[in-house]
């Protein structure tokens, strides 16, 4: 008697397409959950963005006020 494989193993693309249309919430939950170990391991080596400064740096020395631009 020949073994009858489940439909997923015979045609996985067709099975995934069927469930993506008929059960999108379950399909995408399983899809994202299946890829999460890859993202957890691979995401650790991603370069981090530089820290955005919270304040503007104050320049050293006395402030020079330009001449000729005052409201007189």
PDB file of N, CA and C in Angstrom:
ATOM      1  N   UNK A   1       0.847  -1.174   0.000  1.00  0.00           N
ATOM      2  CA  UNK A   1       0.000   0.000   0.000  1.00  0.00           C
ATOM      3  C   UNK A   1       0.895   1.241   0.000  1.00  0.00           C
ATOM      4  N   UNK A   2       0.725   2.131  -0.966  1.00  0.00           N
ATOM      5  CA  UNK A   2       1.570   3.327  -1.014  1.00  0.00           C
ATOM      6  C   UNK A   2       1.200   4.303   0.107  1.00  0.00           C
ATOM      7  N   UNK A   3       2.201   5.018   0.559  1.00  0.00           N
ATOM      8  CA  UNK A   3       1.956   6.014   1.598  1.00  0.00           C
ATOM      9  C   UNK A   3       1.281   7.240   0.984  1.00  0.00           C
ATOM     10  N   UNK A   4       0.310   7.744   1.668  1.00  0.00           N
ATOM     11  CA  UNK A   4      -0.379   8.951   1.215  1.00  0.00           C
ATOM     12  C   UNK A   4       0.123  10.099   2.081  1.00  0.00           C
ATOM     13  N   UNK A   5       0.854  11.001   1.453  1.00  0.00           N
ATOM     14  CA  UNK A   5       1.397  12.130   2.189  1.00  0.00           C
ATOM     15  C   UNK A   5       0.318  13.187   2.378  1.00  0.00           C
ATOM     16  N   UNK A   6       0.399  13.937   3.448  1.00  0.00           N
ATOM     17  CA  UNK A   6      -0.551  15.041   3.613  1.00  0.00           C
ATOM     18  C   UNK A   6      -0.418  16.044   2.469  1.00  0.00           C
ATOM     19  N   UNK A   7      -1.457  16.804   2.279  1.00  0.00           N
ATOM     20  CA  UNK A   7      -1.495  17.751   1.167  1.00  0.00           C
ATOM     21  C   UNK A   7      -0.358  18.773   1.239  1.00  0.00           C
ATOM     22  N   UNK A   8       0.044  19.150   2.456  1.00  0.00           N
ATOM     23  CA  UNK A   8       1.117  20.135   2.604  1.00  0.00           C
ATOM     24  C   UNK A   8       2.406  19.645   1.970  1.00  0.00           C
ATOM     25  N   UNK A   9       2.765  18.379   2.166  1.00  0.00           N
ATOM     26  CA  UNK A   9       4.030  17.860   1.650  1.00  0.00           C
ATOM     27  C   UNK A   9       3.972  17.595   0.150  1.00  0.00           C
ATOM     28  N   UNK A  10       2.779  17.397  -0.392  1.00  0.00           N
ATOM     29  CA  UNK A  10       2.668  17.171  -1.837  1.00  0.00           C
ATOM     30  C   UNK A  10       2.757  18.466  -2.626  1.00  0.00           C
ATOM     31  N   UNK A  11       2.112  19.518  -2.133  1.00  0.00           N
ATOM     32  CA  UNK A  11       2.132  20.810  -2.840  1.00  0.00           C
ATOM     33  C   UNK A  11       2.091  21.939  -1.805  1.00  0.00           C
ATOM     34  N   UNK A  12       3.234  22.274  -1.219  1.00  0.00           N
ATOM     35  CA  UNK A  12       3.241  23.282  -0.148  1.00  0.00           C
ATOM     36  C   UNK A  12       2.858  24.684  -0.626  1.00  0.00           C
ATOM     37  N   UNK A  13       3.215  25.046  -1.851  1.00  0.00           N
ATOM     38  CA  UNK A  13       2.879  26.383  -2.338  1.00  0.00           C
ATOM     39  C   UNK A  13       1.363  26.542  -2.476  1.00  0.00           C
ATOM     40  N   UNK A  14       0.719  25.540  -3.022  1.00  0.00           N
ATOM     41  CA  UNK A  14      -0.735  25.604  -3.195  1.00  0.00           C
ATOM     42  C   UNK A  14      -1.432  25.611  -1.834  1.00  0.00           C
ATOM     43  N   UNK A  15      -0.926  24.830  -0.887  1.00  0.00           N
ATOM     44  CA  UNK A  15      -1.491  24.783   0.459  1.00  0.00           C
ATOM     45  C   UNK A  15      -1.362  26.147   1.134  1.00  0.00           C
ATOM     46  N   UNK A  16      -0.184  26.775   1.002  1.00  0.00           N
ATOM     47  CA  UNK A  16       0.038  28.081   1.621  1.00  0.00           C
ATOM     48  C   UNK A  16      -0.855  29.146   0.984  1.00  0.00           C
ATOM     49  N   UNK A  17      -1.004  29.097  -0.326  1.00  0.00           N
ATOM     50  CA  UNK A  17      -1.872  30.058  -1.009  1.00  0.00           C
ATOM     51  C   UNK A  17      -3.327  29.917  -0.568  1.00  0.00           C
ATOM     52  N   UNK A  18      -3.780  28.686  -0.436  1.00  0.00           N
ATOM     53  CA  UNK A  18      -5.153  28.424  -0.011  1.00  0.00           C
ATOM     54  C   UNK A  18      -5.400  29.007   1.382  1.00  0.00           C
ATOM     55  N   UNK A  19      -4.489  28.739   2.308  1.00  0.00           N
ATOM     56  CA  UNK A  19      -4.685  29.214   3.677  1.00  0.00           C
ATOM     57  C   UNK A  19      -4.437  30.717   3.808  1.00  0.00           C
ATOM     58  N   UNK A  20      -3.615  31.291   2.951  1.00  0.00           N
ATOM     59  CA  UNK A  20      -3.411  32.739   2.985  1.00  0.00           C
ATOM     60  C   UNK A  20      -4.690  33.469   2.576  1.00  0.00           C
ATOM     61  N   UNK A  21      -5.477  32.866   1.695  1.00  0.00           N
ATOM     62  CA  UNK A  21      -6.729  33.493   1.268  1.00  0.00           C
ATOM     63  C   UNK A  21      -7.883  33.196   2.218  1.00  0.00           C
ATOM     64  N   UNK A  22      -7.952  31.976   2.729  1.00  0.00           N
ATOM     65  CA  UNK A  22      -9.098  31.586   3.550  1.00  0.00           C
ATOM     66  C   UNK A  22      -8.903  31.832   5.042  1.00  0.00           C
ATOM     67  N   UNK A  23      -7.683  31.749   5.540  1.00  0.00           N
ATOM     68  CA  UNK A  23      -7.390  31.981   6.954  1.00  0.00           C
ATOM     69  C   UNK A  23      -6.194  32.926   7.078  1.00  0.00           C
ATOM     70  N   UNK A  24      -6.324  34.178   6.669  1.00  0.00           N
ATOM     71  CA  UNK A  24      -5.138  35.048   6.646  1.00  0.00           C
ATOM     72  C   UNK A  24      -4.537  35.305   8.025  1.00  0.00           C
ATOM     73  N   UNK A  25      -5.359  35.431   9.057  1.00  0.00           N
ATOM     74  CA  UNK A  25      -4.812  35.718  10.391  1.00  0.00           C
ATOM     75  C   UNK A  25      -3.970  34.555  10.893  1.00  0.00           C
ATOM     76  N   UNK A  26      -4.464  33.353  10.728  1.00  0.00           N
ATOM     77  CA  UNK A  26      -3.715  32.173  11.174  1.00  0.00           C
ATOM     78  C   UNK A  26      -2.477  31.983  10.309  1.00  0.00           C
ATOM     79  N   UNK A  27      -2.608  32.155   9.009  1.00  0.00           N
ATOM     80  CA  UNK A  27      -1.474  31.968   8.106  1.00  0.00           C
ATOM     81  C   UNK A  27      -0.336  32.923   8.443  1.00  0.00           C
ATOM     82  N   UNK A  28      -0.639  34.214   8.587  1.00  0.00           N
ATOM     83  CA  UNK A  28       0.424  35.180   8.862  1.00  0.00           C
ATOM     84  C   UNK A  28       0.982  35.020  10.266  1.00  0.00           C
ATOM     85  N   UNK A  29       0.169  34.576  11.216  1.00  0.00           N
ATOM     86  CA  UNK A  29       0.686  34.309  12.557  1.00  0.00           C
ATOM     87  C   UNK A  29       1.710  33.185  12.525  1.00  0.00           C
ATOM     88  N   UNK A  30       1.398  32.127  11.807  1.00  0.00           N
ATOM     89  CA  UNK A  30       2.331  31.002  11.694  1.00  0.00           C
ATOM     90  C   UNK A  30       3.563  31.414  10.896  1.00  0.00           C
ATOM     91  N   UNK A  31       3.374  32.182   9.844  1.00  0.00           N
ATOM     92  CA  UNK A  31       4.498  32.621   9.012  1.00  0.00           C
ATOM     93  C   UNK A  31       5.478  33.487   9.806  1.00  0.00           C
ATOM     94  N   UNK A  32       4.949  34.478  10.511  1.00  0.00           N
ATOM     95  CA  UNK A  32       5.816  35.365  11.302  1.00  0.00           C
ATOM     96  C   UNK A  32       6.434  34.602  12.467  1.00  0.00           C
ATOM     97  N   UNK A  33       5.660  33.735  13.101  1.00  0.00           N
ATOM     98  CA  UNK A  33       6.193  32.927  14.194  1.00  0.00           C
ATOM     99  C   UNK A  33       7.281  31.978  13.735  1.00  0.00           C
ATOM    100  N   UNK A  34       7.174  31.480  12.515  1.00  0.00           N
ATOM    101  CA  UNK A  34       8.202  30.590  11.985  1.00  0.00           C
ATOM    102  C   UNK A  34       9.502  31.307  11.683  1.00  0.00           C
ATOM    103  N   UNK A  35       9.420  32.562  11.299  1.00  0.00           N
ATOM    104  CA  UNK A  35      10.619  33.337  10.976  1.00  0.00           C
ATOM    105  C   UNK A  35      11.210  34.045  12.188  1.00  0.00           C
ATOM    106  N   UNK A  36      10.525  34.038  13.322  1.00  0.00           N
ATOM    107  CA  UNK A  36      11.019  34.789  14.477  1.00  0.00           C
ATOM    108  C   UNK A  36      12.385  34.325  14.979  1.00  0.00           C
ATOM    109  N   UNK A  37      12.726  33.021  14.996  1.00  0.00           N
ATOM    110  CA  UNK A  37      14.087  32.658  15.425  1.00  0.00           C
ATOM    111  C   UNK A  37      15.164  33.246  14.520  1.00  0.00           C
ATOM    112  N   UNK A  38      14.889  33.319  13.233  1.00  0.00           N
ATOM    113  CA  UNK A  38      15.862  33.904  12.305  1.00  0.00           C
ATOM    114  C   UNK A  38      16.045  35.386  12.613  1.00  0.00           C
ATOM    115  N   UNK A  39      14.952  36.088  12.876  1.00  0.00           N
ATOM    116  CA  UNK A  39      15.047  37.511  13.184  1.00  0.00           C
ATOM    117  C   UNK A  39      15.714  37.754  14.535  1.00  0.00           C
ATOM    118  N   UNK A  40      15.467  36.878  15.500  1.00  0.00           N
ATOM    119  CA  UNK A  40      16.092  37.045  16.813  1.00  0.00           C
ATOM    120  C   UNK A  40      17.601  36.861  16.738  1.00  0.00           C
ATOM    121  N   UNK A  41      18.047  35.877  15.989  1.00  0.00           N
ATOM    122  CA  UNK A  41      19.484  35.625  15.870  1.00  0.00           C
ATOM    123  C   UNK A  41      20.124  36.639  14.926  1.00  0.00           C
ATOM    124  N   UNK A  42      19.523  36.865  13.782  1.00  0.00           N
ATOM    125  CA  UNK A  42      20.102  37.778  12.794  1.00  0.00           C
ATOM    126  C   UNK A  42      19.990  39.235  13.181  1.00  0.00           C
ATOM    127  N   UNK A  43      19.011  39.585  13.978  1.00  0.00           N
ATOM    128  CA  UNK A  43      18.821  40.978  14.356  1.00  0.00           C
ATOM    129  C   UNK A  43      19.858  41.492  15.327  1.00  0.00           C
ATOM    130  N   UNK A  44      20.569  40.590  15.983  1.00  0.00           N
ATOM    131  CA  UNK A  44      21.569  41.026  16.949  1.00  0.00           C
ATOM    132  C   UNK A  44      22.803  41.586  16.262  1.00  0.00           C
ATOM    133  N   UNK A  45      23.046  41.222  15.023  1.00  0.00           N
ATOM    134  CA  UNK A  45      24.217  41.702  14.307  1.00  0.00           C
ATOM    135  C   UNK A  45      23.918  42.889  13.401  1.00  0.00           C
ATOM    136  N   UNK A  46      22.706  43.369  13.443  1.00  0.00           N
ATOM    137  CA  UNK A  46      22.355  44.548  12.654  1.00  0.00           C
ATOM    138  C   UNK A  46      22.999  45.776  13.294  1.00  0.00           C
ATOM    139  N   UNK A  47      23.507  46.719  12.487  1.00  0.00           N
ATOM    140  CA  UNK A  47      24.100  47.923  13.078  1.00  0.00           C
ATOM    141  C   UNK A  47      23.025  48.782  13.740  1.00  0.00           C
ATOM    142  N   UNK A  48      23.367  49.321  14.879  1.00  0.00           N
ATOM    143  CA  UNK A  48      22.415  50.161  15.601  1.00  0.00           C
ATOM    144  C   UNK A  48      22.538  51.610  15.134  1.00  0.00           C
ATOM    145  N   UNK A  49      21.444  52.321  15.205  1.00  0.00           N
ATOM    146  CA  UNK A  49      21.430  53.729  14.807  1.00  0.00           C
ATOM    147  C   UNK A  49      22.181  54.555  15.847  1.00  0.00           C
ATOM    148  N   UNK A  50      22.851  55.618  15.429  1.00  0.00           N
ATOM    149  CA  UNK A  50      23.537  56.461  16.413  1.00  0.00           C
ATOM    150  C   UNK A  50      22.533  57.146  17.339  1.00  0.00           C
ATOM    151  N   UNK A  51      22.976  57.429  18.543  1.00  0.00           N
ATOM    152  CA  UNK A  51      22.099  58.044  19.539  1.00  0.00           C
ATOM    153  C   UNK A  51      21.831  59.494  19.147  1.00  0.00           C
ATOM    154  N   UNK A  52      20.571  59.879  19.195  1.00  0.00           N
ATOM    155  CA  UNK A  52      20.184  61.249  18.875  1.00  0.00           C
ATOM    156  C   UNK A  52      20.410  62.102  20.123  1.00  0.00           C
ATOM    157  N   UNK A  53      21.147  63.216  20.003  1.00  0.00           N
ATOM    158  CA  UNK A  53      21.405  64.032  21.198  1.00  0.00           C
ATOM    159  C   UNK A  53      20.125  64.686  21.706  1.00  0.00           C
ATOM    160  N   UNK A  54      20.011  64.759  23.018  1.00  0.00           N
ATOM    161  CA  UNK A  54      18.824  65.354  23.628  1.00  0.00           C
ATOM    162  C   UNK A  54      18.915  66.861  23.764  1.00  0.00           C
ATOM    163  N   UNK A  55      20.133  67.415  23.745  1.00  0.00           N
ATOM    164  CA  UNK A  55      20.316  68.861  23.874  1.00  0.00           C
ATOM    165  C   UNK A  55      21.257  69.342  22.781  1.00  0.00           C
ATOM    166  N   UNK A  56      21.228  70.623  22.551  1.00  0.00           N
ATOM    167  CA  UNK A  56      22.132  71.229  21.575  1.00  0.00           C
ATOM    168  C   UNK A  56      23.448  71.540  22.284  1.00  0.00           C
ATOM    169  N   UNK A  57      24.588  71.202  21.698  1.00  0.00           N
ATOM    170  CA  UNK A  57      25.853  71.475  22.394  1.00  0.00           C
ATOM    171  C   UNK A  57      26.132  72.982  22.484  1.00  0.00           C
ATOM    172  N   UNK A  58      26.512  73.442  23.668  1.00  0.00           N
ATOM    173  CA  UNK A  58      26.815  74.858  23.877  1.00  0.00           C
ATOM    174  C   UNK A  58      28.258  75.100  23.447  1.00  0.00           C
ATOM    175  N   UNK A  59      28.479  76.055  22.537  1.00  0.00           N
ATOM    176  CA  UNK A  59      29.855  76.308  22.086  1.00  0.00           C
ATOM    177  C   UNK A  59      30.689  76.950  23.199  1.00  0.00           C
ATOM    178  N   UNK A  60      31.978  76.632  23.234  1.00  0.00           N
ATOM    179  CA  UNK A  60      32.833  77.235  24.267  1.00  0.00           C
ATOM    180  C   UNK A  60      33.149  78.697  23.931  1.00  0.00           C
ATOM    181  N   UNK A  61      33.399  79.478  24.941  1.00  0.00           N
ATOM    182  CA  UNK A  61      33.794  80.874  24.720  1.00  0.00           C
ATOM    183  C   UNK A  61      32.626  81.839  24.787  1.00  0.00           C
ATOM    184  N   UNK A  62      32.958  83.120  24.583  1.00  0.00           N
ATOM    185  CA  UNK A  62      31.955  84.180  24.655  1.00  0.00           C
ATOM    186  C   UNK A  62      31.178  84.265  23.342  1.00  0.00           C
ATOM    187  N   UNK A  63      29.912  84.632  23.446  1.00  0.00           N
ATOM    188  CA  UNK A  63      29.062  84.755  22.267  1.00  0.00           C
ATOM    189  C   UNK A  63      29.398  86.040  21.524  1.00  0.00           C
ATOM    190  N   UNK A  64      29.582  85.909  20.214  1.00  0.00           N
ATOM    191  CA  UNK A  64      29.878  87.072  19.375  1.00  0.00           C
ATOM    192  C   UNK A  64      28.573  87.538  18.740  1.00  0.00           C
ATOM    193  N   UNK A  65      28.186  88.790  19.025  1.00  0.00           N
ATOM    194  CA  UNK A  65      26.954  89.342  18.468  1.00  0.00           C
ATOM    195  C   UNK A  65      27.320  90.087  17.191  1.00  0.00           C
ATOM    196  N   UNK A  66      26.706  89.734  16.039  1.00  0.00           N
ATOM    197  CA  UNK A  66      27.039  90.419  14.793  1.00  0.00           C
ATOM    198  C   UNK A  66      26.557  91.869  14.806  1.00  0.00           C
ATOM    199  N   UNK A  67      27.293  92.735  14.128  1.00  0.00           N
ATOM    200  CA  UNK A  67      26.971  94.168  14.058  1.00  0.00           C
ATOM    201  C   UNK A  67      26.113  94.455  12.827  1.00  0.00           C
ATOM    202  N   UNK A  68      25.225  95.432  12.958  1.00  0.00           N
ATOM    203  CA  UNK A  68      24.460  95.911  11.826  1.00  0.00           C
ATOM    204  C   UNK A  68      23.153  95.178  11.573  1.00  0.00           C
ATOM    205  N   UNK A  69      22.759  94.275  12.439  1.00  0.00           N
ATOM    206  CA  UNK A  69      21.514  93.551  12.222  1.00  0.00           C
ATOM    207  C   UNK A  69      20.494  93.833  13.315  1.00  0.00           C
ATOM    208  N   UNK A  70      20.713  94.832  14.137  1.00  0.00           N
ATOM    209  CA  UNK A  70      19.795  95.145  15.230  1.00  0.00           C
ATOM    210  C   UNK A  70      18.602  95.929  14.700  1.00  0.00           C
ATOM    211  N   UNK A  71      17.474  95.845  15.414  1.00  0.00           N
ATOM    212  CA  UNK A  71      16.290  96.636  15.069  1.00  0.00           C
ATOM    213  C   UNK A  71      16.424  97.990  15.755  1.00  0.00           C
ATOM    214  N   UNK A  72      16.740  99.008  14.991  1.00  0.00           N
ATOM    215  CA  UNK A  72      16.902 100.347  15.565  1.00  0.00           C
ATOM    216  C   UNK A  72      15.989 101.341  14.901  1.00  0.00           C
TER     217      UNK A  72
END
